Amino acid sequence: MNAVAISGTITQTPTSRETKNGKPYLTFTVDVVDGFRQDKKHTFNCIAFGKCQERLVGIAEGTVVGLSGSLQSRTFSTQQGERTVVEVVVDSSEVILQAGASRYEAEEGCQEDPFDDQ
């Protein structure tokens, strides 16, 4: 089975591109905090096509997202030689926290912050 689910912070503003056949896609990176060491992060390259691409276009760096999909590796040539990358091919996505929003603002149905003394 090839399945992956991650949640983390978008650390590179998503870039819109097109395949050689004109199919649009989006590339971006997500930092995920290590489950064992909170001071360590893992960075994942991500790619989204179709409806996932449409949904994530315009999303800001710093946004916390939940992603699920599969892992894909591909090899390509550069001036320095062949290079292989592994990326998450996104099948579904969810915005957990918009960049710049407080965690309280991100919760649905909350009208006011009970901890705000003003």
PDB file of N, CA and C in Angstrom:
ATOM      1  N   MET A   1       0.847  -1.171   0.000  1.00  0.00           N
ATOM      2  CA  MET A   1       0.000   0.000   0.000  1.00  0.00           C
ATOM      3  C   MET A   1       0.896   1.239   0.000  1.00  0.00           C
ATOM      4  N   ASN A   2       0.551   2.217  -0.781  1.00  0.00           N
ATOM      5  CA  ASN A   2       1.281   3.478  -0.853  1.00  0.00           C
ATOM      6  C   ASN A   2       0.331   4.584  -0.409  1.00  0.00           C
ATOM      7  N   ALA A   3       0.382   4.917   0.869  1.00  0.00           N
ATOM      8  CA  ALA A   3      -0.500   5.953   1.412  1.00  0.00           C
ATOM      9  C   ALA A   3       0.271   6.763   2.442  1.00  0.00           C
ATOM     10  N   VAL A   4       0.023   8.066   2.436  1.00  0.00           N
ATOM     11  CA  VAL A   4       0.689   8.949   3.384  1.00  0.00           C
ATOM     12  C   VAL A   4      -0.306  10.013   3.834  1.00  0.00           C
ATOM     13  N   ALA A   5      -0.217  10.389   5.104  1.00  0.00           N
ATOM     14  CA  ALA A   5      -1.035  11.476   5.651  1.00  0.00           C
ATOM     15  C   ALA A   5      -0.119  12.317   6.525  1.00  0.00           C
ATOM     16  N   ILE A   6      -0.098  13.619   6.265  1.00  0.00           N
ATOM     17  CA  ILE A   6       0.738  14.526   7.040  1.00  0.00           C
ATOM     18  C   ILE A   6      -0.050  15.787   7.370  1.00  0.00           C
ATOM     19  N   SER A   7       0.368  16.454   8.438  1.00  0.00           N
ATOM     20  CA  SER A   7      -0.152  17.795   8.713  1.00  0.00           C
ATOM     21  C   SER A   7       1.041  18.640   9.100  1.00  0.00           C
ATOM     22  N   GLY A   8       1.073  19.840   8.551  1.00  0.00           N
ATOM     23  CA  GLY A   8       2.203  20.711   8.819  1.00  0.00           C
ATOM     24  C   GLY A   8       2.002  22.074   8.203  1.00  0.00           C
ATOM     25  N   THR A   9       3.066  22.851   8.210  1.00  0.00           N
ATOM     26  CA  THR A   9       3.032  24.236   7.766  1.00  0.00           C
ATOM     27  C   THR A   9       3.632  24.373   6.372  1.00  0.00           C
ATOM     28  N   ILE A  10       2.907  25.063   5.501  1.00  0.00           N
ATOM     29  CA  ILE A  10       3.436  25.330   4.161  1.00  0.00           C
ATOM     30  C   ILE A  10       4.604  26.302   4.312  1.00  0.00           C
ATOM     31  N   THR A  11       5.774  25.888   3.825  1.00  0.00           N
ATOM     32  CA  THR A  11       6.983  26.691   4.006  1.00  0.00           C
ATOM     33  C   THR A  11       7.483  27.305   2.712  1.00  0.00           C
ATOM     34  N   GLN A  12       6.875  26.973   1.627  1.00  0.00           N
ATOM     35  CA  GLN A  12       7.232  27.572   0.340  1.00  0.00           C
ATOM     36  C   GLN A  12       5.929  27.941  -0.342  1.00  0.00           C
ATOM     37  N   THR A  13       5.810  29.186  -0.769  1.00  0.00           N
ATOM     38  CA  THR A  13       4.597  29.604  -1.454  1.00  0.00           C
ATOM     39  C   THR A  13       4.351  28.685  -2.640  1.00  0.00           C
ATOM     40  N   PRO A  14       3.155  28.097  -2.750  1.00  0.00           N
ATOM     41  CA  PRO A  14       2.876  27.178  -3.850  1.00  0.00           C
ATOM     42  C   PRO A  14       3.099  27.824  -5.224  1.00  0.00           C
ATOM     43  N   THR A  15       3.685  27.051  -6.108  1.00  0.00           N
ATOM     44  CA  THR A  15       3.990  27.507  -7.459  1.00  0.00           C
ATOM     45  C   THR A  15       3.126  26.755  -8.457  1.00  0.00           C
ATOM     46  N   SER A  16       2.402  27.487  -9.296  1.00  0.00           N
ATOM     47  CA  SER A  16       1.579  26.877 -10.344  1.00  0.00           C
ATOM     48  C   SER A  16       2.448  26.612 -11.565  1.00  0.00           C
ATOM     49  N   ARG A  17       2.279  25.418 -12.131  1.00  0.00           N
ATOM     50  CA  ARG A  17       3.019  25.028 -13.329  1.00  0.00           C
ATOM     51  C   ARG A  17       2.097  24.225 -14.222  1.00  0.00           C
ATOM     52  N   GLU A  18       2.615  23.838 -15.378  1.00  0.00           N
ATOM     53  CA  GLU A  18       1.870  22.981 -16.302  1.00  0.00           C
ATOM     54  C   GLU A  18       2.773  21.853 -16.779  1.00  0.00           C
ATOM     55  N   THR A  19       2.162  20.679 -16.984  1.00  0.00           N
ATOM     56  CA  THR A  19       2.902  19.573 -17.572  1.00  0.00           C
ATOM     57  C   THR A  19       3.134  19.871 -19.048  1.00  0.00           C
ATOM     58  N   LYS A  20       3.903  19.036 -19.712  1.00  0.00           N
ATOM     59  CA  LYS A  20       4.141  19.209 -21.152  1.00  0.00           C
ATOM     60  C   LYS A  20       2.845  19.150 -21.943  1.00  0.00           C
ATOM     61  N   ASN A  21       1.836  18.463 -21.394  1.00  0.00           N
ATOM     62  CA  ASN A  21       0.530  18.349 -22.053  1.00  0.00           C
ATOM     63  C   ASN A  21      -0.435  19.463 -21.664  1.00  0.00           C
ATOM     64  N   GLY A  22       0.028  20.428 -20.871  1.00  0.00           N
ATOM     65  CA  GLY A  22      -0.815  21.553 -20.492  1.00  0.00           C
ATOM     66  C   GLY A  22      -1.668  21.322 -19.264  1.00  0.00           C
ATOM     67  N   LYS A  23      -1.445  20.237 -18.529  1.00  0.00           N
ATOM     68  CA  LYS A  23      -2.219  19.947 -17.320  1.00  0.00           C
ATOM     69  C   LYS A  23      -1.636  20.753 -16.148  1.00  0.00           C
ATOM     70  N   PRO A  24      -2.446  21.609 -15.495  1.00  0.00           N
ATOM     71  CA  PRO A  24      -1.927  22.428 -14.396  1.00  0.00           C
ATOM     72  C   PRO A  24      -1.645  21.594 -13.140  1.00  0.00           C
ATOM     73  N   TYR A  25      -0.608  22.006 -12.426  1.00  0.00           N
ATOM     74  CA  TYR A  25      -0.302  21.393 -11.138  1.00  0.00           C
ATOM     75  C   TYR A  25       0.360  22.419 -10.246  1.00  0.00           C
ATOM     76  N   LEU A  26       0.464  22.086  -8.973  1.00  0.00           N
ATOM     77  CA  LEU A  26       0.976  23.000  -7.963  1.00  0.00           C
ATOM     78  C   LEU A  26       2.071  22.281  -7.187  1.00  0.00           C
ATOM     79  N   THR A  27       3.189  22.949  -6.954  1.00  0.00           N
ATOM     80  CA  THR A  27       4.245  22.380  -6.115  1.00  0.00           C
ATOM     81  C   THR A  27       4.449  23.282  -4.903  1.00  0.00           C
ATOM     82  N   PHE A  28       4.751  22.655  -3.768  1.00  0.00           N
ATOM     83  CA  PHE A  28       4.996  23.390  -2.528  1.00  0.00           C
ATOM     84  C   PHE A  28       5.676  22.466  -1.540  1.00  0.00           C
ATOM     85  N   THR A  29       6.158  23.023  -0.444  1.00  0.00           N
ATOM     86  CA  THR A  29       6.770  22.209   0.605  1.00  0.00           C
ATOM     87  C   THR A  29       6.004  22.401   1.908  1.00  0.00           C
ATOM     88  N   VAL A  30       6.032  21.351   2.722  1.00  0.00           N
ATOM     89  CA  VAL A  30       5.358  21.363   4.017  1.00  0.00           C
ATOM     90  C   VAL A  30       6.343  20.887   5.082  1.00  0.00           C
ATOM     91  N   ASP A  31       6.480  21.650   6.168  1.00  0.00           N
ATOM     92  CA  ASP A  31       7.280  21.238   7.318  1.00  0.00           C
ATOM     93  C   ASP A  31       6.381  20.524   8.310  1.00  0.00           C
ATOM     94  N   VAL A  32       6.823  19.352   8.742  1.00  0.00           N
ATOM     95  CA  VAL A  32       6.078  18.548   9.716  1.00  0.00           C
ATOM     96  C   VAL A  32       6.963  18.369  10.944  1.00  0.00           C
ATOM     97  N   VAL A  33       6.418  18.660  12.116  1.00  0.00           N
ATOM     98  CA  VAL A  33       7.160  18.488  13.365  1.00  0.00           C
ATOM     99  C   VAL A  33       7.311  17.001  13.641  1.00  0.00           C
ATOM    100  N   ASP A  34       8.523  16.605  14.012  1.00  0.00           N
ATOM    101  CA  ASP A  34       8.829  15.211  14.333  1.00  0.00           C
ATOM    102  C   ASP A  34       7.975  14.762  15.516  1.00  0.00           C
ATOM    103  N   GLY A  35       7.442  13.566  15.452  1.00  0.00           N
ATOM    104  CA  GLY A  35       6.589  13.046  16.512  1.00  0.00           C
ATOM    105  C   GLY A  35       7.318  12.741  17.804  1.00  0.00           C
ATOM    106  N   PHE A  36       8.650  12.609  17.729  1.00  0.00           N
ATOM    107  CA  PHE A  36       9.423  12.254  18.916  1.00  0.00           C
ATOM    108  C   PHE A  36      10.220  13.426  19.467  1.00  0.00           C
ATOM    109  N   ARG A  37      10.673  14.304  18.578  1.00  0.00           N
ATOM    110  CA  ARG A  37      11.456  15.466  18.992  1.00  0.00           C
ATOM    111  C   ARG A  37      10.794  16.716  18.451  1.00  0.00           C
ATOM    112  N   GLN A  38      10.157  17.494  19.324  1.00  0.00           N
ATOM    113  CA  GLN A  38       9.416  18.683  18.906  1.00  0.00           C
ATOM    114  C   GLN A  38      10.308  19.742  18.272  1.00  0.00           C
ATOM    115  N   ASP A  39      11.623  19.701  18.553  1.00  0.00           N
ATOM    116  CA  ASP A  39      12.530  20.702  17.995  1.00  0.00           C
ATOM    117  C   ASP A  39      13.022  20.307  16.595  1.00  0.00           C
ATOM    118  N   LYS A  40      12.618  19.146  16.101  1.00  0.00           N
ATOM    119  CA  LYS A  40      13.062  18.673  14.789  1.00  0.00           C
ATOM    120  C   LYS A  40      11.890  18.684  13.804  1.00  0.00           C
ATOM    121  N   LYS A  41      12.156  19.161  12.583  1.00  0.00           N
ATOM    122  CA  LYS A  41      11.125  19.198  11.550  1.00  0.00           C
ATOM    123  C   LYS A  41      11.592  18.441  10.320  1.00  0.00           C
ATOM    124  N   HIS A  42      10.634  17.894   9.604  1.00  0.00           N
ATOM    125  CA  HIS A  42      10.896  17.216   8.338  1.00  0.00           C
ATOM    126  C   HIS A  42      10.204  18.017   7.246  1.00  0.00           C
ATOM    127  N   THR A  43      10.886  18.242   6.136  1.00  0.00           N
ATOM    128  CA  THR A  43      10.325  18.989   5.022  1.00  0.00           C
ATOM    129  C   THR A  43       9.970  18.033   3.896  1.00  0.00           C
ATOM    130  N   PHE A  44       8.735  18.122   3.415  1.00  0.00           N
ATOM    131  CA  PHE A  44       8.248  17.258   2.346  1.00  0.00           C
ATOM    132  C   PHE A  44       7.898  18.089   1.120  1.00  0.00           C
ATOM    133  N   ASN A  45       8.367  17.647  -0.037  1.00  0.00           N
ATOM    134  CA  ASN A  45       7.945  18.235  -1.308  1.00  0.00           C
ATOM    135  C   ASN A  45       6.571  17.678  -1.629  1.00  0.00           C
ATOM    136  N   CYS A  46       5.664  18.530  -2.075  1.00  0.00           N
ATOM    137  CA  CYS A  46       4.300  18.111  -2.388  1.00  0.00           C
ATOM    138  C   CYS A  46       3.918  18.579  -3.783  1.00  0.00           C
ATOM    139  N   ILE A  47       3.024  17.832  -4.406  1.00  0.00           N
ATOM    140  CA  ILE A  47       2.514  18.181  -5.734  1.00  0.00           C
ATOM    141  C   ILE A  47       1.024  17.880  -5.762  1.00  0.00           C
ATOM    142  N   ALA A  48       0.254  18.789  -6.341  1.00  0.00           N
ATOM    143  CA  ALA A  48      -1.205  18.616  -6.392  1.00  0.00           C
ATOM    144  C   ALA A  48      -1.695  18.858  -7.814  1.00  0.00           C
ATOM    145  N   PHE A  49      -2.604  18.002  -8.265  1.00  0.00           N
ATOM    146  CA  PHE A  49      -3.219  18.100  -9.586  1.00  0.00           C
ATOM    147  C   PHE A  49      -4.729  18.271  -9.432  1.00  0.00           C
ATOM    148  N   GLY A  50      -5.398  18.638 -10.509  1.00  0.00           N
ATOM    149  CA  GLY A  50      -6.862  18.641 -10.570  1.00  0.00           C
ATOM    150  C   GLY A  50      -7.513  19.487  -9.507  1.00  0.00           C
ATOM    151  N   LYS A  51      -8.531  18.918  -8.856  1.00  0.00           N
ATOM    152  CA  LYS A  51      -9.305  19.659  -7.848  1.00  0.00           C
ATOM    153  C   LYS A  51      -8.442  20.061  -6.650  1.00  0.00           C
ATOM    154  N   CYS A  52      -7.487  19.214  -6.280  1.00  0.00           N
ATOM    155  CA  CYS A  52      -6.592  19.577  -5.172  1.00  0.00           C
ATOM    156  C   CYS A  52      -5.754  20.790  -5.550  1.00  0.00           C
ATOM    157  N   GLN A  53      -5.298  20.830  -6.771  1.00  0.00           N
ATOM    158  CA  GLN A  53      -4.532  21.975  -7.247  1.00  0.00           C
ATOM    159  C   GLN A  53      -5.396  23.229  -7.206  1.00  0.00           C
ATOM    160  N   GLU A  54      -6.626  23.133  -7.693  1.00  0.00           N
ATOM    161  CA  GLU A  54      -7.540  24.276  -7.706  1.00  0.00           C
ATOM    162  C   GLU A  54      -7.815  24.773  -6.290  1.00  0.00           C
ATOM    163  N   ARG A  55      -7.964  23.841  -5.367  1.00  0.00           N
ATOM    164  CA  ARG A  55      -8.291  24.197  -3.980  1.00  0.00           C
ATOM    165  C   ARG A  55      -7.128  24.891  -3.270  1.00  0.00           C
ATOM    166  N   LEU A  56      -5.902  24.530  -3.640  1.00  0.00           N
ATOM    167  CA  LEU A  56      -4.733  25.063  -2.939  1.00  0.00           C
ATOM    168  C   LEU A  56      -4.097  26.279  -3.606  1.00  0.00           C
ATOM    169  N   VAL A  57      -4.536  26.628  -4.812  1.00  0.00           N
ATOM    170  CA  VAL A  57      -3.983  27.809  -5.488  1.00  0.00           C
ATOM    171  C   VAL A  57      -4.240  29.039  -4.617  1.00  0.00           C
ATOM    172  N   GLY A  58      -3.224  29.841  -4.429  1.00  0.00           N
ATOM    173  CA  GLY A  58      -3.370  31.069  -3.649  1.00  0.00           C
ATOM    174  C   GLY A  58      -3.199  30.894  -2.153  1.00  0.00           C
ATOM    175  N   ILE A  59      -2.983  29.672  -1.687  1.00  0.00           N
ATOM    176  CA  ILE A  59      -2.798  29.452  -0.257  1.00  0.00           C
ATOM    177  C   ILE A  59      -1.453  30.048   0.159  1.00  0.00           C
ATOM    178  N   ALA A  60      -1.400  30.656   1.328  1.00  0.00           N
ATOM    179  CA  ALA A  60      -0.217  31.403   1.749  1.00  0.00           C
ATOM    180  C   ALA A  60       0.796  30.541   2.495  1.00  0.00           C
ATOM    181  N   GLU A  61       2.041  30.936   2.353  1.00  0.00           N
ATOM    182  CA  GLU A  61       3.103  30.354   3.151  1.00  0.00           C
ATOM    183  C   GLU A  61       2.750  30.589   4.617  1.00  0.00           C
ATOM    184  N   GLY A  62       2.962  29.603   5.475  1.00  0.00           N
ATOM    185  CA  GLY A  62       2.624  29.725   6.890  1.00  0.00           C
ATOM    186  C   GLY A  62       1.288  29.094   7.244  1.00  0.00           C
ATOM    187  N   THR A  63       0.501  28.703   6.240  1.00  0.00           N
ATOM    188  CA  THR A  63      -0.785  28.050   6.476  1.00  0.00           C
ATOM    189  C   THR A  63      -0.543  26.613   6.937  1.00  0.00           C
ATOM    190  N   VAL A  64      -1.289  26.175   7.932  1.00  0.00           N
ATOM    191  CA  VAL A  64      -1.195  24.796   8.414  1.00  0.00           C
ATOM    192  C   VAL A  64      -2.238  23.971   7.666  1.00  0.00           C
ATOM    193  N   VAL A  65      -1.786  22.871   7.070  1.00  0.00           N
ATOM    194  CA  VAL A  65      -2.667  22.030   6.265  1.00  0.00           C
ATOM    195  C   VAL A  65      -2.558  20.571   6.683  1.00  0.00           C
ATOM    196  N   GLY A  66      -3.607  19.825   6.392  1.00  0.00           N
ATOM    197  CA  GLY A  66      -3.600  18.384   6.502  1.00  0.00           C
ATOM    198  C   GLY A  66      -3.680  17.834   5.085  1.00  0.00           C
ATOM    199  N   LEU A  67      -2.795  16.912   4.748  1.00  0.00           N
ATOM    200  CA  LEU A  67      -2.747  16.362   3.402  1.00  0.00           C
ATOM    201  C   LEU A  67      -2.739  14.848   3.452  1.00  0.00           C
ATOM    202  N   SER A  68      -3.376  14.234   2.475  1.00  0.00           N
ATOM    203  CA  SER A  68      -3.248  12.784   2.316  1.00  0.00           C
ATOM    204  C   SER A  68      -3.034  12.509   0.840  1.00  0.00           C
ATOM    205  N   GLY A  69      -2.379  11.399   0.577  1.00  0.00           N
ATOM    206  CA  GLY A  69      -2.083  11.039  -0.803  1.00  0.00           C
ATOM    207  C   GLY A  69      -1.150   9.860  -0.857  1.00  0.00           C
ATOM    208  N   SER A  70      -0.235   9.893  -1.812  1.00  0.00           N
ATOM    209  CA  SER A  70       0.715   8.798  -1.989  1.00  0.00           C
ATOM    210  C   SER A  70       2.104   9.370  -2.235  1.00  0.00           C
ATOM    211  N   LEU A  71       3.112   8.520  -2.091  1.00  0.00           N
ATOM    212  CA  LEU A  71       4.478   8.927  -2.360  1.00  0.00           C
ATOM    213  C   LEU A  71       4.835   8.581  -3.794  1.00  0.00           C
ATOM    214  N   GLN A  72       5.606   9.452  -4.425  1.00  0.00           N
ATOM    215  CA  GLN A  72       6.043   9.237  -5.798  1.00  0.00           C
ATOM    216  C   GLN A  72       7.512   9.633  -5.876  1.00  0.00           C
ATOM    217  N   SER A  73       8.299   8.860  -6.569  1.00  0.00           N
ATOM    218  CA  SER A  73       9.677   9.269  -6.833  1.00  0.00           C
ATOM    219  C   SER A  73       9.835   9.446  -8.330  1.00  0.00           C
ATOM    220  N   ARG A  74      10.654  10.407  -8.701  1.00  0.00           N
ATOM    221  CA  ARG A  74      10.923  10.639 -10.116  1.00  0.00           C
ATOM    222  C   ARG A  74      12.361  11.088 -10.267  1.00  0.00           C
ATOM    223  N   THR A  75      12.914  10.787 -11.412  1.00  0.00           N
ATOM    224  CA  THR A  75      14.297  11.133 -11.715  1.00  0.00           C
ATOM    225  C   THR A  75      14.314  12.052 -12.922  1.00  0.00           C
ATOM    226  N   PHE A  76      15.161  13.071 -12.868  1.00  0.00           N
ATOM    227  CA  PHE A  76      15.288  13.989 -13.992  1.00  0.00           C
ATOM    228  C   PHE A  76      16.740  14.427 -14.108  1.00  0.00           C
ATOM    229  N   SER A  77      17.092  14.972 -15.251  1.00  0.00           N
ATOM    230  CA  SER A  77      18.468  15.398 -15.511  1.00  0.00           C
ATOM    231  C   SER A  77      18.627  16.889 -15.266  1.00  0.00           C
ATOM    232  N   THR A  78      19.751  17.242 -14.667  1.00  0.00           N
ATOM    233  CA  THR A  78      20.129  18.634 -14.481  1.00  0.00           C
ATOM    234  C   THR A  78      21.541  18.801 -15.031  1.00  0.00           C
ATOM    235  N   GLN A  79      22.069  19.999 -14.985  1.00  0.00           N
ATOM    236  CA  GLN A  79      23.440  20.232 -15.435  1.00  0.00           C
ATOM    237  C   GLN A  79      24.444  19.495 -14.554  1.00  0.00           C
ATOM    238  N   GLN A  80      24.050  19.210 -13.311  1.00  0.00           N
ATOM    239  CA  GLN A  80      24.927  18.499 -12.382  1.00  0.00           C
ATOM    240  C   GLN A  80      24.775  16.981 -12.485  1.00  0.00           C
ATOM    241  N   GLY A  81      23.875  16.506 -13.335  1.00  0.00           N
ATOM    242  CA  GLY A  81      23.644  15.073 -13.489  1.00  0.00           C
ATOM    243  C   GLY A  81      22.207  14.711 -13.161  1.00  0.00           C
ATOM    244  N   GLU A  82      21.970  13.416 -12.988  1.00  0.00           N
ATOM    245  CA  GLU A  82      20.613  12.964 -12.665  1.00  0.00           C
ATOM    246  C   GLU A  82      20.295  13.237 -11.209  1.00  0.00           C
ATOM    247  N   ARG A  83      19.034  13.551 -10.978  1.00  0.00           N
ATOM    248  CA  ARG A  83      18.556  13.853  -9.632  1.00  0.00           C
ATOM    249  C   ARG A  83      17.251  13.111  -9.404  1.00  0.00           C
ATOM    250  N   THR A  84      17.081  12.562  -8.209  1.00  0.00           N
ATOM    251  CA  THR A  84      15.848  11.868  -7.848  1.00  0.00           C
ATOM    252  C   THR A  84      15.191  12.604  -6.692  1.00  0.00           C
ATOM    253  N   VAL A  85      13.890  12.813  -6.804  1.00  0.00           N
ATOM    254  CA  VAL A  85      13.128  13.444  -5.723  1.00  0.00           C
ATOM    255  C   VAL A  85      11.971  12.534  -5.340  1.00  0.00           C
ATOM    256  N   VAL A  86      11.597  12.603  -4.077  1.00  0.00           N
ATOM    257  CA  VAL A  86      10.415  11.900  -3.573  1.00  0.00           C
ATOM    258  C   VAL A  86       9.444  12.986  -3.139  1.00  0.00           C
ATOM    259  N   GLU A  87       8.186  12.874  -3.552  1.00  0.00           N
ATOM    260  CA  GLU A  87       7.200  13.890  -3.208  1.00  0.00           C
ATOM    261  C   GLU A  87       5.867  13.252  -2.844  1.00  0.00           C
ATOM    262  N   VAL A  88       5.081  14.015  -2.090  1.00  0.00           N
ATOM    263  CA  VAL A  88       3.730  13.600  -1.737  1.00  0.00           C
ATOM    264  C   VAL A  88       2.811  14.066  -2.865  1.00  0.00           C
ATOM    265  N   VAL A  89       2.114  13.126  -3.495  1.00  0.00           N
ATOM    266  CA  VAL A  89       1.106  13.465  -4.497  1.00  0.00           C
ATOM    267  C   VAL A  89      -0.208  13.590  -3.739  1.00  0.00           C
ATOM    268  N   VAL A  90      -0.718  14.805  -3.634  1.00  0.00           N
ATOM    269  CA  VAL A  90      -1.862  15.109  -2.780  1.00  0.00           C
ATOM    270  C   VAL A  90      -3.165  14.646  -3.428  1.00  0.00           C
ATOM    271  N   ASP A  91      -3.922  13.810  -2.685  1.00  0.00           N
ATOM    272  CA  ASP A  91      -5.250  13.368  -3.117  1.00  0.00           C
ATOM    273  C   ASP A  91      -6.347  14.170  -2.437  1.00  0.00           C
ATOM    274  N   SER A  92      -6.085  14.597  -1.197  1.00  0.00           N
ATOM    275  CA  SER A  92      -7.058  15.419  -0.484  1.00  0.00           C
ATOM    276  C   SER A  92      -6.316  16.364   0.451  1.00  0.00           C
ATOM    277  N   SER A  93      -6.943  17.511   0.698  1.00  0.00           N
ATOM    278  CA  SER A  93      -6.304  18.523   1.536  1.00  0.00           C
ATOM    279  C   SER A  93      -7.344  19.210   2.407  1.00  0.00           C
ATOM    280  N   GLU A  94      -6.859  19.726   3.525  1.00  0.00           N
ATOM    281  CA  GLU A  94      -7.721  20.475   4.434  1.00  0.00           C
ATOM    282  C   GLU A  94      -6.896  21.591   5.051  1.00  0.00           C
ATOM    283  N   VAL A  95      -7.418  22.794   5.027  1.00  0.00           N
ATOM    284  CA  VAL A  95      -6.751  23.912   5.689  1.00  0.00           C
ATOM    285  C   VAL A  95      -7.111  23.833   7.169  1.00  0.00           C
ATOM    286  N   ILE A  96      -6.096  23.727   7.995  1.00  0.00           N
ATOM    287  CA  ILE A  96      -6.308  23.635   9.434  1.00  0.00           C
ATOM    288  C   ILE A  96      -6.244  25.021  10.065  1.00  0.00           C
ATOM    289  N   LEU A  97      -5.300  25.834   9.603  1.00  0.00           N
ATOM    290  CA  LEU A  97      -5.115  27.176  10.162  1.00  0.00           C
ATOM    291  C   LEU A  97      -4.528  28.085   9.096  1.00  0.00           C
ATOM    292  N   GLN A  98      -5.268  29.134   8.732  1.00  0.00           N
ATOM    293  CA  GLN A  98      -4.786  30.090   7.732  1.00  0.00           C
ATOM    294  C   GLN A  98      -3.573  30.839   8.272  1.00  0.00           C
ATOM    295  N   ALA A  99      -2.645  31.171   7.412  1.00  0.00           N
ATOM    296  CA  ALA A  99      -1.485  31.968   7.812  1.00  0.00           C
ATOM    297  C   ALA A  99      -1.962  33.281   8.412  1.00  0.00           C
ATOM    298  N   GLY A 100      -1.415  33.645   9.559  1.00  0.00           N
ATOM    299  CA  GLY A 100      -1.774  34.902  10.205  1.00  0.00           C
ATOM    300  C   GLY A 100      -2.962  34.824  11.144  1.00  0.00           C
ATOM    301  N   ALA A 101      -3.708  33.727  11.128  1.00  0.00           N
ATOM    302  CA  ALA A 101      -4.867  33.590  12.020  1.00  0.00           C
ATOM    303  C   ALA A 101      -4.419  32.968  13.338  1.00  0.00           C
ATOM    304  N   SER A 102      -5.110  33.313  14.419  1.00  0.00           N
ATOM    305  CA  SER A 102      -4.810  32.656  15.685  1.00  0.00           C
ATOM    306  C   SER A 102      -5.492  31.295  15.676  1.00  0.00           C
ATOM    307  N   ARG A 103      -5.036  30.414  16.523  1.00  0.00           N
ATOM    308  CA  ARG A 103      -5.631  29.076  16.581  1.00  0.00           C
ATOM    309  C   ARG A 103      -7.121  29.148  16.926  1.00  0.00           C
ATOM    310  N   TYR A 104      -7.489  30.125  17.765  1.00  0.00           N
ATOM    311  CA  TYR A 104      -8.884  30.249  18.146  1.00  0.00           C
ATOM    312  C   TYR A 104      -9.743  30.663  16.958  1.00  0.00           C
ATOM    313  N   GLU A 105      -9.245  31.560  16.118  1.00  0.00           N
ATOM    314  CA  GLU A 105      -9.992  32.006  14.945  1.00  0.00           C
ATOM    315  C   GLU A 105     -10.227  30.870  13.958  1.00  0.00           C
ATOM    316  N   ALA A 106      -9.357  29.875  13.966  1.00  0.00           N
ATOM    317  CA  ALA A 106      -9.458  28.795  12.991  1.00  0.00           C
ATOM    318  C   ALA A 106     -10.581  27.811  13.319  1.00  0.00           C
ATOM    319  N   GLU A 107     -11.052  27.797  14.560  1.00  0.00           N
ATOM    320  CA  GLU A 107     -12.104  26.868  14.938  1.00  0.00           C
ATOM    321  C   GLU A 107     -13.445  27.336  14.394  1.00  0.00           C
ATOM    322  N   GLU A 108     -14.188  26.427  13.799  1.00  0.00           N
ATOM    323  CA  GLU A 108     -15.487  26.783  13.241  1.00  0.00           C
ATOM    324  C   GLU A 108     -16.485  27.070  14.352  1.00  0.00           C
ATOM    325  N   GLY A 109     -17.346  28.035  14.127  1.00  0.00           N
ATOM    326  CA  GLY A 109     -18.436  28.306  15.042  1.00  0.00           C
ATOM    327  C   GLY A 109     -18.076  29.183  16.221  1.00  0.00           C
ATOM    328  N   CYS A 110     -16.838  29.623  16.344  1.00  0.00           N
ATOM    329  CA  CYS A 110     -16.437  30.478  17.457  1.00  0.00           C
ATOM    330  C   CYS A 110     -16.707  31.923  17.100  1.00  0.00           C
ATOM    331  N   GLN A 111     -17.448  32.600  17.951  1.00  0.00           N
ATOM    332  CA  GLN A 111     -17.809  33.985  17.690  1.00  0.00           C
ATOM    333  C   GLN A 111     -16.915  34.970  18.421  1.00  0.00           C
ATOM    334  N   GLU A 112     -16.453  34.596  19.625  1.00  0.00           N
ATOM    335  CA  GLU A 112     -15.605  35.500  20.395  1.00  0.00           C
ATOM    336  C   GLU A 112     -14.590  34.699  21.187  1.00  0.00           C
ATOM    337  N   ASP A 113     -13.511  35.347  21.557  1.00  0.00           N
ATOM    338  CA  ASP A 113     -12.451  34.699  22.317  1.00  0.00           C
ATOM    339  C   ASP A 113     -12.730  34.893  23.805  1.00  0.00           C
ATOM    340  N   PRO A 114     -13.022  33.833  24.563  1.00  0.00           N
ATOM    341  CA  PRO A 114     -13.342  33.976  25.976  1.00  0.00           C
ATOM    342  C   PRO A 114     -12.152  34.431  26.809  1.00  0.00           C
ATOM    343  N   PHE A 115     -10.934  34.375  26.245  1.00  0.00           N
ATOM    344  CA  PHE A 115      -9.745  34.775  26.971  1.00  0.00           C
ATOM    345  C   PHE A 115      -9.330  36.201  26.677  1.00  0.00           C
ATOM    346  N   ASP A 116     -10.085  36.893  25.845  1.00  0.00           N
ATOM    347  CA  ASP A 116      -9.801  38.282  25.504  1.00  0.00           C
ATOM    348  C   ASP A 116     -10.417  39.169  26.575  1.00  0.00           C
ATOM    349  N   ASP A 117      -9.589  39.921  27.301  1.00  0.00           N
ATOM    350  CA  ASP A 117     -10.064  40.759  28.407  1.00  0.00           C
ATOM    351  C   ASP A 117     -10.645  42.092  27.934  1.00  0.00           C
ATOM    352  N   GLN A 118     -10.638  42.354  26.670  1.00  0.00           N
ATOM    353  CA  GLN A 118     -11.136  43.652  26.189  1.00  0.00           C
ATOM    354  C   GLN A 118     -12.606  43.631  25.971  1.00  0.00           C
TER     355      GLN A 118
END
